[in-house]
């Protein structure tokens, strides 16, 4: 499991520029949003292990019909 942080620029989920290190999170990754992270748009359905938004003070937007599945939380789906 890798910890992948939302970049200061933020952006669309499926854009490498949205993520520190340029790696788009996958099903085994842990997403981090912190005080320096930009706005995140869930523009594609995605599945990750978990998400930590401690200190995150921006907006997460879901495009119509998209979901985010958190595998560690028993398959919790947010849409």
Protein backbone atom coordinates (compact mmCIF):
# COMPACT_ATOMS: atom_id res chain seq x y z
CA UNK A 1 0.00 0.00 0.00
CA UNK A 2 1.31 3.41 -0.98
CA UNK A 3 0.31 6.71 0.61
CA UNK A 4 -0.54 9.13 -2.20
CA UNK A 5 -1.20 12.80 -1.45
CA UNK A 6 -3.45 15.18 -3.36
CA UNK A 7 -1.15 17.86 -4.83
CA UNK A 8 -1.44 21.57 -4.11
CA UNK A 9 -2.77 22.03 -7.64
CA UNK A 10 -5.51 19.42 -7.14
CA UNK A 11 -7.52 18.42 -10.20
CA UNK A 12 -9.27 15.41 -11.72
CA UNK A 13 -8.78 12.00 -10.11
CA UNK A 14 -7.44 10.43 -13.31
CA UNK A 15 -4.78 13.10 -13.94
CA UNK A 16 -1.22 12.41 -12.82
CA UNK A 17 -0.81 16.15 -12.09
CA UNK A 18 -3.40 15.82 -9.30
CA UNK A 19 -1.13 13.61 -7.22
CA UNK A 20 2.23 14.24 -5.53
CA UNK A 21 4.68 12.01 -7.40
CA UNK A 22 2.40 11.75 -10.44
CA UNK A 23 0.90 8.37 -9.50
CA UNK A 24 -2.88 7.86 -9.67
CA UNK A 25 -4.13 5.88 -6.63
CA UNK A 26 -5.30 2.29 -7.10
CA UNK A 27 -7.23 -0.22 -4.99
CA UNK A 28 -4.41 -0.86 -2.52
CA UNK A 29 -3.44 2.78 -1.95
CA UNK A 30 -4.12 5.21 0.88
CA UNK A 31 -5.12 8.73 -0.28
CA UNK A 32 -4.11 11.71 1.84
CA UNK A 33 -5.61 15.18 1.69
CA UNK A 34 -3.85 17.70 3.92
CA UNK A 35 -3.70 21.43 4.53
CA UNK A 36 -1.70 22.03 1.31
CA UNK A 37 -3.86 19.82 -0.94
CA UNK A 38 -5.98 21.39 -3.67
CA UNK A 39 -9.54 20.66 -4.76
CA UNK A 40 -10.16 17.09 -5.91
CA UNK A 41 -12.70 16.13 -8.56
CA UNK A 42 -13.84 12.50 -8.72
CA UNK A 43 -14.34 12.43 -12.50
CA UNK A 44 -14.05 8.63 -12.83
CA UNK A 45 -15.19 5.86 -10.50
CA UNK A 46 -12.30 4.74 -8.32
CA UNK A 47 -11.46 2.25 -5.59
CA UNK A 48 -8.84 2.77 -2.87
CA UNK A 49 -7.90 1.19 0.44
CA UNK A 50 -8.60 4.23 2.61
CA UNK A 51 -8.66 8.04 2.70
CA UNK A 52 -7.32 10.41 5.38
CA UNK A 53 -8.51 14.02 5.11
CA UNK A 54 -7.02 15.28 8.38
CA UNK A 55 -6.32 18.98 7.89
CA UNK A 56 -7.86 19.02 4.40
CA UNK A 57 -9.68 22.32 3.94
CA UNK A 58 -10.67 22.18 0.29
CA UNK A 59 -13.54 20.66 -1.70
CA UNK A 60 -14.08 17.18 -3.10
CA UNK A 61 -16.50 17.16 -6.02
CA UNK A 62 -18.13 14.10 -7.57
CA UNK A 63 -19.08 14.27 -11.22
CA UNK A 64 -22.50 12.78 -11.90
CA UNK A 65 -22.56 8.98 -11.66
CA UNK A 66 -19.06 8.57 -10.23
CA UNK A 67 -18.28 6.64 -7.04
CA UNK A 68 -15.35 6.20 -4.68
CA UNK A 69 -15.12 2.81 -2.97
CA UNK A 70 -13.13 2.53 0.28
CA UNK A 71 -12.06 -1.10 0.56
CA UNK A 72 -10.81 -1.03 4.16
CA UNK A 73 -14.19 0.17 5.41
CA UNK A 74 -15.94 -3.02 4.31
CA UNK A 75 -16.47 -1.83 0.77
CA UNK A 76 -18.05 1.50 1.67
CA UNK A 77 -19.10 3.43 -1.44
CA UNK A 78 -19.34 7.20 -1.55
CA UNK A 79 -21.01 8.90 -4.50
